[in-house]
Amino acid sequence: MERQNLKQICQTLGLAKADLHIHPGKTKPQKFLHYVENKTDLDVIAITEHDTIEPALKIKELHQKGKFRFEIITGEEITTADGHLVGLFLEKTVPAGLSAKETIRLIKKQGGLAMAVHPLASSVLQSPTDPAMCGIGLGSLILLKNDLDIVEVFNANMRQKQNNYLTGVSNKTCLNKAGFGSSDAHFLSFIGRGYTLFPAPQKRAAGSVIDDLLRAIENRQTAIGEKEWTFLLFIRYGLYFFLPISRLLLYTLLHGRRKNKKEN
């Protein structure tokens, strides 16, 4: 019922719906595309796997061979030395471990857009492979203000509730960028749980809504939304993250916590 009502509202107001922070993981491309097509009402999605663009390219290639009602943006969630960034409209992988400034430069070199994801978030757990299990801190975001294009002000991860509020306030008062909501989905049923609405004249004209998306980013004409949690989704979420978090907890207990640069 919620999905149908929102769909009718979007059609009436001429809005499109996007989720620009999705991790396909090990899901097969065909299954992934089938789910987005039949189980969501998204008009635009971005594939943003950690530190590689290869899954996005594979899904995009299959998408171009079929007939789907939604459009795809190829991207990557990049682990920088200062925190995580998402690069959108990429054609090749941006290497991990560089400074946020240099990472954005490489994103722009490809003609891409830079999005700060789950900003201000900091993990208390240490990863043996991830040098910055967090978002970029406010001080660094302010320094990067002229380079950033988008700020993720709502991340559907249940651990981000407080950070979402602080990020929203920070964006309105300090950054003044297009604010986006996204799912940060790591499994299918989480896709679209956080999303962004934007004006889409091309949707009615059966054109590319990506042009409308770019215009909305430039003019900061976006609104965020979220789906309600269900009991089954809550259980699925817990089961998915139980083992990875358990491994990180054990690693942190054995090696101690390593401070992130933004905390120094």
C-alpha atoms as a PDB file:
ATOM      1  CA  MET A   1       0.000   0.000   0.000  1.00  0.00           C
ATOM      2  CA  GLU A   2       2.794   2.438   0.912  1.00  0.00           C
ATOM      3  CA  ARG A   3       4.631   1.723  -2.334  1.00  0.00           C
ATOM      4  CA  GLN A   4       1.474   2.197  -4.432  1.00  0.00           C
ATOM      5  CA  ASN A   5       0.519   5.468  -2.717  1.00  0.00           C
ATOM      6  CA  LEU A   6       4.002   6.905  -3.167  1.00  0.00           C
ATOM      7  CA  LYS A   7       4.031   5.846  -6.806  1.00  0.00           C
ATOM      8  CA  GLN A   8       0.773   7.701  -7.409  1.00  0.00           C
ATOM      9  CA  ILE A   9       2.084  10.805  -5.634  1.00  0.00           C
ATOM     10  CA  CYS A  10       5.286  10.769  -7.704  1.00  0.00           C
ATOM     11  CA  GLN A  11       3.296  10.457 -10.916  1.00  0.00           C
ATOM     12  CA  THR A  12       0.997  13.310  -9.928  1.00  0.00           C
ATOM     13  CA  LEU A  13       3.836  15.637  -8.954  1.00  0.00           C
ATOM     14  CA  GLY A  14       6.187  14.572 -11.753  1.00  0.00           C
ATOM     15  CA  LEU A  15       8.851  13.152  -9.449  1.00  0.00           C
ATOM     16  CA  ALA A  16      11.377  10.385  -9.967  1.00  0.00           C
ATOM     17  CA  LYS A  17      12.933   8.152  -7.352  1.00  0.00           C
ATOM     18  CA  ALA A  18      16.613   7.231  -7.008  1.00  0.00           C
ATOM     19  CA  ASP A  19      18.825   5.081  -4.807  1.00  0.00           C
ATOM     20  CA  LEU A  20      22.451   5.983  -5.521  1.00  0.00           C
ATOM     21  CA  HIS A  21      24.244   3.803  -2.966  1.00  0.00           C
ATOM     22  CA  ILE A  22      23.767   0.073  -3.588  1.00  0.00           C
ATOM     23  CA  HIS A  23      26.133  -2.869  -3.149  1.00  0.00           C
ATOM     24  CA  PRO A  24      25.211  -5.916  -5.265  1.00  0.00           C
ATOM     25  CA  GLY A  25      27.684  -8.119  -3.413  1.00  0.00           C
ATOM     26  CA  LYS A  26      27.644 -11.657  -4.748  1.00  0.00           C
ATOM     27  CA  THR A  27      24.138 -11.392  -6.215  1.00  0.00           C
ATOM     28  CA  LYS A  28      24.050 -12.507  -9.843  1.00  0.00           C
ATOM     29  CA  PRO A  29      23.466  -9.587 -12.242  1.00  0.00           C
ATOM     30  CA  GLN A  30      20.296 -11.094 -13.727  1.00  0.00           C
ATOM     31  CA  LYS A  31      18.771 -11.662 -10.306  1.00  0.00           C
ATOM     32  CA  PHE A  32      19.762  -8.173  -9.226  1.00  0.00           C
ATOM     33  CA  LEU A  33      18.140  -6.535 -12.259  1.00  0.00           C
ATOM     34  CA  HIS A  34      15.014  -8.659 -11.897  1.00  0.00           C
ATOM     35  CA  TYR A  35      14.590  -7.576  -8.283  1.00  0.00           C
ATOM     36  CA  VAL A  36      14.951  -3.852  -8.999  1.00  0.00           C
ATOM     37  CA  GLU A  37      12.575  -4.121 -11.960  1.00  0.00           C
ATOM     38  CA  ASN A  38       9.835  -6.077 -10.212  1.00  0.00           C
ATOM     39  CA  LYS A  39      10.195  -5.388  -6.493  1.00  0.00           C
ATOM     40  CA  THR A  40      10.967  -1.654  -6.411  1.00  0.00           C
ATOM     41  CA  ASP A  41       9.619   1.524  -7.990  1.00  0.00           C
ATOM     42  CA  LEU A  42      13.024   3.122  -8.443  1.00  0.00           C
ATOM     43  CA  ASP A  43      13.702   5.109 -11.615  1.00  0.00           C
ATOM     44  CA  VAL A  44      17.482   5.404 -11.167  1.00  0.00           C
ATOM     45  CA  ILE A  45      19.976   3.290  -9.246  1.00  0.00           C
ATOM     46  CA  ALA A  46      23.734   3.498  -8.808  1.00  0.00           C
ATOM     47  CA  ILE A  47      25.874   0.401  -8.339  1.00  0.00           C
ATOM     48  CA  THR A  48      28.591   1.338  -5.847  1.00  0.00           C
ATOM     49  CA  GLU A  49      30.536  -1.716  -4.730  1.00  0.00           C
ATOM     50  CA  HIS A  50      33.474  -1.248  -2.376  1.00  0.00           C
ATOM     51  CA  ASP A  51      36.726  -0.284  -4.124  1.00  0.00           C
ATOM     52  CA  THR A  52      35.872  -1.730  -7.523  1.00  0.00           C
ATOM     53  CA  ILE A  53      33.695  -0.749 -10.452  1.00  0.00           C
ATOM     54  CA  GLU A  54      33.624  -4.216 -12.027  1.00  0.00           C
ATOM     55  CA  PRO A  55      30.208  -5.324 -10.623  1.00  0.00           C
ATOM     56  CA  ALA A  56      28.669  -2.064 -11.848  1.00  0.00           C
ATOM     57  CA  LEU A  57      30.063  -2.562 -15.348  1.00  0.00           C
ATOM     58  CA  LYS A  58      28.792  -6.151 -15.530  1.00  0.00           C
ATOM     59  CA  ILE A  59      25.292  -5.208 -14.389  1.00  0.00           C
ATOM     60  CA  LYS A  60      25.242  -2.190 -16.716  1.00  0.00           C
ATOM     61  CA  GLU A  61      26.232  -4.372 -19.678  1.00  0.00           C
ATOM     62  CA  LEU A  62      23.397  -6.806 -19.013  1.00  0.00           C
ATOM     63  CA  HIS A  63      20.987  -3.924 -18.410  1.00  0.00           C
ATOM     64  CA  GLN A  64      21.767  -2.480 -21.857  1.00  0.00           C
ATOM     65  CA  LYS A  65      20.857  -5.775 -23.500  1.00  0.00           C
ATOM     66  CA  GLY A  66      17.377  -5.868 -21.971  1.00  0.00           C
ATOM     67  CA  LYS A  67      14.357  -3.629 -21.581  1.00  0.00           C
ATOM     68  CA  PHE A  68      14.070  -2.153 -18.125  1.00  0.00           C
ATOM     69  CA  ARG A  69      12.037   0.795 -16.848  1.00  0.00           C
ATOM     70  CA  PHE A  70      14.890   2.060 -14.645  1.00  0.00           C
ATOM     71  CA  GLU A  71      18.298   3.528 -15.471  1.00  0.00           C
ATOM     72  CA  ILE A  72      21.703   2.599 -14.048  1.00  0.00           C
ATOM     73  CA  ILE A  73      24.686   4.707 -13.023  1.00  0.00           C
ATOM     74  CA  THR A  74      28.047   2.984 -12.669  1.00  0.00           C
ATOM     75  CA  GLY A  75      29.900   3.955  -9.517  1.00  0.00           C
ATOM     76  CA  GLU A  76      32.169   2.861  -6.695  1.00  0.00           C
ATOM     77  CA  GLU A  77      32.354   3.351  -2.937  1.00  0.00           C
ATOM     78  CA  ILE A  78      35.985   4.288  -2.432  1.00  0.00           C
ATOM     79  CA  THR A  79      37.919   3.826   0.796  1.00  0.00           C
ATOM     80  CA  THR A  80      39.995   6.981   1.101  1.00  0.00           C
ATOM     81  CA  ALA A  81      42.531   7.716   3.840  1.00  0.00           C
ATOM     82  CA  ASP A  82      39.986  10.174   5.288  1.00  0.00           C
ATOM     83  CA  GLY A  83      36.781   8.132   5.022  1.00  0.00           C
ATOM     84  CA  HIS A  84      34.423   6.744   2.403  1.00  0.00           C
ATOM     85  CA  LEU A  85      33.375   8.528  -0.790  1.00  0.00           C
ATOM     86  CA  VAL A  86      31.178   7.400  -3.665  1.00  0.00           C
ATOM     87  CA  GLY A  87      32.128   8.225  -7.215  1.00  0.00           C
ATOM     88  CA  LEU A  88      29.251   8.273  -9.712  1.00  0.00           C
ATOM     89  CA  PHE A  89      29.368   8.039 -13.521  1.00  0.00           C
ATOM     90  CA  LEU A  90      32.710   6.258 -13.452  1.00  0.00           C
ATOM     91  CA  GLU A  91      34.240   4.166 -16.218  1.00  0.00           C
ATOM     92  CA  LYS A  92      37.126   2.603 -14.319  1.00  0.00           C
ATOM     93  CA  THR A  93      38.063   1.829 -10.728  1.00  0.00           C
ATOM     94  CA  VAL A  94      39.476   4.618  -8.578  1.00  0.00           C
ATOM     95  CA  PRO A  95      42.195   3.170  -6.293  1.00  0.00           C
ATOM     96  CA  ALA A  96      41.615   3.004  -2.551  1.00  0.00           C
ATOM     97  CA  GLY A  97      43.835   4.473   0.164  1.00  0.00           C
ATOM     98  CA  LEU A  98      44.405   7.937  -1.326  1.00  0.00           C
ATOM     99  CA  SER A  99      43.437  11.186   0.357  1.00  0.00           C
ATOM    100  CA  ALA A 100      39.857  12.358  -0.121  1.00  0.00           C
ATOM    101  CA  LYS A 101      41.153  15.357  -2.096  1.00  0.00           C
ATOM    102  CA  GLU A 102      43.114  13.173  -4.510  1.00  0.00           C
ATOM    103  CA  THR A 103      40.255  10.675  -4.781  1.00  0.00           C
ATOM    104  CA  ILE A 104      37.835  13.415  -5.803  1.00  0.00           C
ATOM    105  CA  ARG A 105      40.356  14.678  -8.346  1.00  0.00           C
ATOM    106  CA  LEU A 106      40.445  11.228  -9.957  1.00  0.00           C
ATOM    107  CA  ILE A 107      36.633  11.018  -9.916  1.00  0.00           C
ATOM    108  CA  LYS A 108      36.389  14.392 -11.659  1.00  0.00           C
ATOM    109  CA  LYS A 109      39.055  13.334 -14.162  1.00  0.00           C
ATOM    110  CA  GLN A 110      36.580  10.713 -15.380  1.00  0.00           C
ATOM    111  CA  GLY A 111      33.801  13.286 -15.542  1.00  0.00           C
ATOM    112  CA  GLY A 112      32.166  11.800 -12.446  1.00  0.00           C
ATOM    113  CA  LEU A 113      30.412  13.213  -9.404  1.00  0.00           C
ATOM    114  CA  ALA A 114      31.644  12.902  -5.824  1.00  0.00           C
ATOM    115  CA  MET A 115      29.244  12.010  -3.008  1.00  0.00           C
ATOM    116  CA  ALA A 116      30.121  11.978   0.685  1.00  0.00           C
ATOM    117  CA  VAL A 117      28.432   8.886   2.144  1.00  0.00           C
ATOM    118  CA  HIS A 118      27.493   8.308   5.793  1.00  0.00           C
ATOM    119  CA  PRO A 119      29.505  11.422   6.743  1.00  0.00           C
ATOM    120  CA  LEU A 120      30.530  11.933  10.369  1.00  0.00           C
ATOM    121  CA  ALA A 121      30.138   8.193  11.041  1.00  0.00           C
ATOM    122  CA  SER A 122      33.038   6.490  12.811  1.00  0.00           C
ATOM    123  CA  SER A 123      33.353   2.801  13.514  1.00  0.00           C
ATOM    124  CA  VAL A 124      34.632   1.632  16.896  1.00  0.00           C
ATOM    125  CA  LEU A 125      35.743  -1.581  15.209  1.00  0.00           C
ATOM    126  CA  GLN A 126      38.969  -2.046  13.308  1.00  0.00           C
ATOM    127  CA  SER A 127      39.233  -3.828   9.981  1.00  0.00           C
ATOM    128  CA  PRO A 128      42.401  -5.582   8.790  1.00  0.00           C
ATOM    129  CA  THR A 129      41.767  -4.404   5.215  1.00  0.00           C
ATOM    130  CA  ASP A 130      39.789  -1.151   5.470  1.00  0.00           C
ATOM    131  CA  PRO A 131      41.943   1.852   6.523  1.00  0.00           C
ATOM    132  CA  ALA A 132      38.939   4.109   7.171  1.00  0.00           C
ATOM    133  CA  MET A 133      35.757   2.325   8.244  1.00  0.00           C
ATOM    134  CA  CYS A 134      33.869   5.589   8.482  1.00  0.00           C
ATOM    135  CA  GLY A 135      32.572   8.636   6.717  1.00  0.00           C
ATOM    136  CA  ILE A 136      34.491  11.857   6.279  1.00  0.00           C
ATOM    137  CA  GLY A 137      34.463  14.203   9.269  1.00  0.00           C
ATOM    138  CA  LEU A 138      32.868  17.655   9.204  1.00  0.00           C
ATOM    139  CA  GLY A 139      36.166  19.536   9.244  1.00  0.00           C
ATOM    140  CA  SER A 140      37.383  17.677   6.173  1.00  0.00           C
ATOM    141  CA  LEU A 141      34.009  18.069   4.467  1.00  0.00           C
ATOM    142  CA  ILE A 142      34.190  21.823   4.886  1.00  0.00           C
ATOM    143  CA  LEU A 143      37.663  21.855   3.337  1.00  0.00           C
ATOM    144  CA  LEU A 144      36.317  19.714   0.459  1.00  0.00           C
ATOM    145  CA  LYS A 145      33.154  21.778   0.057  1.00  0.00           C
ATOM    146  CA  ASN A 146      34.018  23.156  -3.373  1.00  0.00           C
ATOM    147  CA  ASP A 147      34.932  19.704  -4.675  1.00  0.00           C
ATOM    148  CA  LEU A 148      31.928  17.705  -3.466  1.00  0.00           C
ATOM    149  CA  ASP A 149      28.720  17.432  -5.497  1.00  0.00           C
ATOM    150  CA  ILE A 150      26.397  15.476  -3.205  1.00  0.00           C
ATOM    151  CA  VAL A 151      26.058  14.761   0.506  1.00  0.00           C
ATOM    152  CA  GLU A 152      24.247  11.656   1.700  1.00  0.00           C
ATOM    153  CA  VAL A 153      22.078  13.123   4.464  1.00  0.00           C
ATOM    154  CA  PHE A 154      20.096   9.928   5.013  1.00  0.00           C
ATOM    155  CA  ASN A 155      21.615   6.448   5.126  1.00  0.00           C
ATOM    156  CA  ALA A 156      19.114   3.651   5.777  1.00  0.00           C
ATOM    157  CA  ASN A 157      21.550   1.691   7.941  1.00  0.00           C
ATOM    158  CA  MET A 158      19.951   1.554  11.401  1.00  0.00           C
ATOM    159  CA  ARG A 159      23.249   2.544  13.022  1.00  0.00           C
ATOM    160  CA  GLN A 160      23.245   5.890  11.192  1.00  0.00           C
ATOM    161  CA  LYS A 161      20.184   7.538  12.792  1.00  0.00           C
ATOM    162  CA  GLN A 162      22.098  10.101  14.852  1.00  0.00           C
ATOM    163  CA  ASN A 163      24.648  10.736  12.113  1.00  0.00           C
ATOM    164  CA  ASN A 164      21.827  11.307   9.612  1.00  0.00           C
ATOM    165  CA  TYR A 165      20.451  14.105  11.774  1.00  0.00           C
ATOM    166  CA  LEU A 166      23.863  15.708  12.300  1.00  0.00           C
ATOM    167  CA  THR A 167      24.728  15.404   8.622  1.00  0.00           C
ATOM    168  CA  GLY A 168      21.448  17.030   7.591  1.00  0.00           C
ATOM    169  CA  VAL A 169      22.082  19.987   9.888  1.00  0.00           C
ATOM    170  CA  SER A 170      25.703  20.266   8.763  1.00  0.00           C
ATOM    171  CA  ASN A 171      24.713  20.237   5.104  1.00  0.00           C
ATOM    172  CA  LYS A 172      22.124  22.973   5.552  1.00  0.00           C
ATOM    173  CA  THR A 173      24.380  25.196   7.632  1.00  0.00           C
ATOM    174  CA  CYS A 174      27.884  24.575   6.266  1.00  0.00           C
ATOM    175  CA  LEU A 175      27.987  22.630   3.016  1.00  0.00           C
ATOM    176  CA  ASN A 176      24.863  23.580   1.043  1.00  0.00           C
ATOM    177  CA  LYS A 177      25.042  20.631  -1.337  1.00  0.00           C
ATOM    178  CA  ALA A 178      22.333  18.471  -2.881  1.00  0.00           C
ATOM    179  CA  GLY A 179      21.153  16.222  -0.055  1.00  0.00           C
ATOM    180  CA  PHE A 180      20.470  12.595  -0.921  1.00  0.00           C
ATOM    181  CA  GLY A 181      18.918   9.632   0.823  1.00  0.00           C
ATOM    182  CA  SER A 182      20.010   6.113  -0.036  1.00  0.00           C
ATOM    183  CA  SER A 183      19.777   2.545   1.171  1.00  0.00           C
ATOM    184  CA  ASP A 184      23.458   1.536   1.327  1.00  0.00           C
ATOM    185  CA  ALA A 185      21.949  -1.868   0.560  1.00  0.00           C
ATOM    186  CA  HIS A 186      24.131  -4.952   0.860  1.00  0.00           C
ATOM    187  CA  PHE A 187      21.317  -7.399   0.081  1.00  0.00           C
ATOM    188  CA  LEU A 188      18.323  -7.282  -2.253  1.00  0.00           C
ATOM    189  CA  SER A 189      15.433  -6.640   0.119  1.00  0.00           C
ATOM    190  CA  PHE A 190      17.173  -3.526   1.491  1.00  0.00           C
ATOM    191  CA  ILE A 191      17.356  -1.792  -1.903  1.00  0.00           C
ATOM    192  CA  GLY A 192      15.268   1.370  -1.947  1.00  0.00           C
ATOM    193  CA  ARG A 193      14.779   1.522   1.805  1.00  0.00           C
ATOM    194  CA  GLY A 194      16.369   4.968   1.690  1.00  0.00           C
ATOM    195  CA  TYR A 195      15.792   7.006  -1.454  1.00  0.00           C
ATOM    196  CA  THR A 196      15.791  10.438  -3.085  1.00  0.00           C
ATOM    197  CA  LEU A 197      12.952  12.194  -4.896  1.00  0.00           C
ATOM    198  CA  PHE A 198      13.619  14.813  -7.562  1.00  0.00           C
ATOM    199  CA  PRO A 199      11.649  16.676 -10.280  1.00  0.00           C
ATOM    200  CA  ALA A 200      11.577  14.659 -13.496  1.00  0.00           C
ATOM    201  CA  PRO A 201       9.948  16.260 -16.554  1.00  0.00           C
ATOM    202  CA  GLN A 202      11.714  13.697 -18.745  1.00  0.00           C
ATOM    203  CA  LYS A 203       9.878  10.881 -16.982  1.00  0.00           C
ATOM    204  CA  ARG A 204       6.567  12.054 -18.379  1.00  0.00           C
ATOM    205  CA  ALA A 205       8.158  12.579 -21.787  1.00  0.00           C
ATOM    206  CA  ALA A 206       9.638   9.057 -21.708  1.00  0.00           C
ATOM    207  CA  GLY A 207      13.153  10.501 -21.816  1.00  0.00           C
ATOM    208  CA  SER A 208      16.220   9.872 -19.667  1.00  0.00           C
ATOM    209  CA  VAL A 209      15.574  10.867 -16.065  1.00  0.00           C
ATOM    210  CA  ILE A 210      19.318  10.964 -15.463  1.00  0.00           C
ATOM    211  CA  ASP A 211      19.291  14.392 -17.133  1.00  0.00           C
ATOM    212  CA  ASP A 212      16.657  15.435 -14.603  1.00  0.00           C
ATOM    213  CA  LEU A 213      18.783  13.963 -11.806  1.00  0.00           C
ATOM    214  CA  LEU A 214      21.808  16.011 -12.841  1.00  0.00           C
ATOM    215  CA  ARG A 215      19.671  19.146 -13.002  1.00  0.00           C
ATOM    216  CA  ALA A 216      18.278  18.432  -9.540  1.00  0.00           C
ATOM    217  CA  ILE A 217      21.793  18.003  -8.143  1.00  0.00           C
ATOM    218  CA  GLU A 218      22.909  21.287  -9.658  1.00  0.00           C
ATOM    219  CA  ASN A 219      19.841  23.157  -8.365  1.00  0.00           C
ATOM    220  CA  ARG A 220      19.691  21.270  -5.041  1.00  0.00           C
ATOM    221  CA  GLN A 221      16.106  20.200  -5.732  1.00  0.00           C
ATOM    222  CA  THR A 222      16.006  16.909  -3.873  1.00  0.00           C
ATOM    223  CA  ALA A 223      13.991  15.379  -1.062  1.00  0.00           C
ATOM    224  CA  ILE A 224      14.746  12.249   0.957  1.00  0.00           C
ATOM    225  CA  GLY A 225      12.474   9.415   1.975  1.00  0.00           C
ATOM    226  CA  GLU A 226      12.565   6.035   3.680  1.00  0.00           C
ATOM    227  CA  LYS A 227      10.502   2.883   3.913  1.00  0.00           C
ATOM    228  CA  GLU A 228       9.322   1.586   7.249  1.00  0.00           C
ATOM    229  CA  TRP A 229      11.125  -1.300   8.877  1.00  0.00           C
ATOM    230  CA  THR A 230       9.326  -4.629   8.873  1.00  0.00           C
ATOM    231  CA  PHE A 231       9.995  -7.487  11.245  1.00  0.00           C
ATOM    232  CA  LEU A 232      11.291  -9.718   8.437  1.00  0.00           C
ATOM    233  CA  LEU A 233      13.581  -6.981   7.130  1.00  0.00           C
ATOM    234  CA  PHE A 234      14.927  -6.384  10.630  1.00  0.00           C
ATOM    235  CA  ILE A 235      15.720 -10.115  11.010  1.00  0.00           C
ATOM    236  CA  ARG A 236      17.286 -10.254   7.554  1.00  0.00           C
ATOM    237  CA  TYR A 237      19.430  -7.220   8.370  1.00  0.00           C
ATOM    238  CA  GLY A 238      20.646  -8.721  11.639  1.00  0.00           C
ATOM    239  CA  LEU A 239      21.500 -12.080  10.100  1.00  0.00           C
ATOM    240  CA  TYR A 240      23.400 -10.490   7.234  1.00  0.00           C
ATOM    241  CA  PHE A 241      25.672  -8.394   9.447  1.00  0.00           C
ATOM    242  CA  PHE A 242      26.049 -10.780  12.399  1.00  0.00           C
ATOM    243  CA  LEU A 243      29.081 -12.707  11.138  1.00  0.00           C
ATOM    244  CA  PRO A 244      31.016  -9.723   9.656  1.00  0.00           C
ATOM    245  CA  ILE A 245      30.532  -7.662  12.815  1.00  0.00           C
ATOM    246  CA  SER A 246      31.542 -10.634  14.975  1.00  0.00           C
ATOM    247  CA  ARG A 247      34.783 -10.998  13.000  1.00  0.00           C
ATOM    248  CA  LEU A 248      35.522  -7.269  13.285  1.00  0.00           C
ATOM    249  CA  LEU A 249      34.823  -7.350  17.013  1.00  0.00           C
ATOM    250  CA  LEU A 250      37.264 -10.220  17.495  1.00  0.00           C
ATOM    251  CA  TYR A 251      39.914  -8.490  15.385  1.00  0.00           C
ATOM    252  CA  THR A 252      39.485  -5.255  17.359  1.00  0.00           C
ATOM    253  CA  LEU A 253      39.759  -7.072  20.693  1.00  0.00           C
ATOM    254  CA  LEU A 254      43.004  -8.702  19.536  1.00  0.00           C
ATOM    255  CA  HIS A 255      44.604  -5.649  17.930  1.00  0.00           C
ATOM    256  CA  GLY A 256      43.016  -2.638  19.633  1.00  0.00           C
ATOM    257  CA  ARG A 257      41.279   0.273  18.028  1.00  0.00           C
ATOM    258  CA  ARG A 258      43.146   2.306  15.436  1.00  0.00           C
ATOM    259  CA  LYS A 259      42.183   5.982  15.416  1.00  0.00           C
ATOM    260  CA  ASN A 260      40.838   7.478  12.208  1.00  0.00           C
ATOM    261  CA  LYS A 261      42.509  10.587  10.865  1.00  0.00           C
ATOM    262  CA  LYS A 262      39.445  12.693  11.563  1.00  0.00           C
ATOM    263  CA  GLU A 263      39.750  11.854  15.274  1.00  0.00           C
ATOM    264  CA  ASN A 264      43.381  12.981  15.602  1.00  0.00           C
END
